[in-house]
Amino acid sequence: MFGLSEFKQTRVYQEAKQEGRVEAKLESVPQLLALGLTVEQIAQALDLDIAQVQQAAKQTSPEQ
């Protein structure tokens, strides 16, 4: 029988888990920007690419 522990070792599970972590990190970008951190500081602290942080910042900033 294919159990939970075996499923957690699959590539599909690991990739989904990692994707969820990245999404959670990206969701915190607006709050970190509001605290005055730079894009570079956020990228370094969250272990993300600067481009990912910039994209998250653009998606959350109000249209002008």
C-alpha atoms as a PDB file:
ATOM      1  CA  MET A   1       0.000   0.000   0.000  1.00  0.00           C
ATOM      2  CA  PHE A   2       1.202   3.491  -0.876  1.00  0.00           C
ATOM      3  CA  GLY A   3       1.184   5.390   2.399  1.00  0.00           C
ATOM      4  CA  LEU A   4       1.600   9.003   3.427  1.00  0.00           C
ATOM      5  CA  SER A   5       5.307   8.649   4.167  1.00  0.00           C
ATOM      6  CA  GLU A   6       5.932   7.278   0.671  1.00  0.00           C
ATOM      7  CA  PHE A   7       3.861  10.062  -0.883  1.00  0.00           C
ATOM      8  CA  LYS A   8       5.873  12.711   0.982  1.00  0.00           C
ATOM      9  CA  GLN A   9       9.006  11.365  -0.669  1.00  0.00           C
ATOM     10  CA  THR A  10       7.710  11.776  -4.211  1.00  0.00           C
ATOM     11  CA  ARG A  11       8.947  14.520  -6.500  1.00  0.00           C
ATOM     12  CA  VAL A  12       5.399  15.806  -7.003  1.00  0.00           C
ATOM     13  CA  TYR A  13       4.921  16.325  -3.268  1.00  0.00           C
ATOM     14  CA  GLN A  14       8.329  17.935  -2.807  1.00  0.00           C
ATOM     15  CA  GLU A  15       7.760  20.365  -5.693  1.00  0.00           C
ATOM     16  CA  ALA A  16       4.305  21.322  -4.412  1.00  0.00           C
ATOM     17  CA  LYS A  17       5.680  21.843  -0.931  1.00  0.00           C
ATOM     18  CA  GLN A  18       8.473  24.062  -2.246  1.00  0.00           C
ATOM     19  CA  GLU A  19       6.058  26.052  -4.407  1.00  0.00           C
ATOM     20  CA  GLY A  20       3.873  26.690  -1.378  1.00  0.00           C
ATOM     21  CA  ARG A  21       6.871  27.978   0.555  1.00  0.00           C
ATOM     22  CA  VAL A  22       7.802  30.396  -2.215  1.00  0.00           C
ATOM     23  CA  GLU A  23       4.217  31.649  -2.401  1.00  0.00           C
ATOM     24  CA  ALA A  24       4.185  32.258   1.349  1.00  0.00           C
ATOM     25  CA  LYS A  25       7.448  34.166   1.109  1.00  0.00           C
ATOM     26  CA  LEU A  26       6.149  36.294  -1.756  1.00  0.00           C
ATOM     27  CA  GLU A  27       2.989  37.109   0.206  1.00  0.00           C
ATOM     28  CA  SER A  28       5.156  38.670   2.940  1.00  0.00           C
ATOM     29  CA  VAL A  29       6.872  41.090   0.528  1.00  0.00           C
ATOM     30  CA  PRO A  30       4.364  43.970   0.895  1.00  0.00           C
ATOM     31  CA  GLN A  31       4.631  43.924   4.683  1.00  0.00           C
ATOM     32  CA  LEU A  32       8.415  43.911   4.554  1.00  0.00           C
ATOM     33  CA  LEU A  33       8.425  46.797   2.092  1.00  0.00           C
ATOM     34  CA  ALA A  34       6.078  48.693   4.413  1.00  0.00           C
ATOM     35  CA  LEU A  35       8.610  48.209   7.209  1.00  0.00           C
ATOM     36  CA  GLY A  36      11.171  49.983   5.057  1.00  0.00           C
ATOM     37  CA  LEU A  37      13.273  47.076   3.829  1.00  0.00           C
ATOM     38  CA  THR A  38      14.705  47.311   0.334  1.00  0.00           C
ATOM     39  CA  VAL A  39      13.976  44.795  -2.410  1.00  0.00           C
ATOM     40  CA  GLU A  40      17.547  43.556  -2.101  1.00  0.00           C
ATOM     41  CA  GLN A  41      17.245  43.080   1.661  1.00  0.00           C
ATOM     42  CA  ILE A  42      13.994  41.189   1.268  1.00  0.00           C
ATOM     43  CA  ALA A  43      15.421  38.944  -1.440  1.00  0.00           C
ATOM     44  CA  GLN A  44      18.410  38.131   0.720  1.00  0.00           C
ATOM     45  CA  ALA A  45      16.356  37.539   3.878  1.00  0.00           C
ATOM     46  CA  LEU A  46      13.816  35.299   2.148  1.00  0.00           C
ATOM     47  CA  ASP A  47      16.334  33.569  -0.129  1.00  0.00           C
ATOM     48  CA  LEU A  48      14.507  34.728  -3.269  1.00  0.00           C
ATOM     49  CA  ASP A  49      15.636  36.268  -6.541  1.00  0.00           C
ATOM     50  CA  ILE A  50      15.450  40.055  -6.723  1.00  0.00           C
ATOM     51  CA  ALA A  51      13.217  39.674  -9.787  1.00  0.00           C
ATOM     52  CA  GLN A  52      10.734  37.583  -7.778  1.00  0.00           C
ATOM     53  CA  VAL A  53      10.567  40.242  -5.062  1.00  0.00           C
ATOM     54  CA  GLN A  54      10.182  43.032  -7.617  1.00  0.00           C
ATOM     55  CA  GLN A  55       7.341  41.153  -9.324  1.00  0.00           C
ATOM     56  CA  ALA A  56       5.571  40.582  -6.002  1.00  0.00           C
ATOM     57  CA  ALA A  57       5.976  44.271  -5.162  1.00  0.00           C
ATOM     58  CA  LYS A  58       4.451  45.298  -8.513  1.00  0.00           C
ATOM     59  CA  GLN A  59       1.495  42.976  -8.072  1.00  0.00           C
ATOM     60  CA  THR A  60       0.636  44.445  -4.686  1.00  0.00           C
ATOM     61  CA  SER A  61       1.241  48.115  -5.381  1.00  0.00           C
ATOM     62  CA  PRO A  62      -1.851  50.196  -6.178  1.00  0.00           C
ATOM     63  CA  GLU A  63      -2.366  51.332  -9.761  1.00  0.00           C
ATOM     64  CA  GLN A  64      -1.573  54.972 -10.388  1.00  0.00           C
END
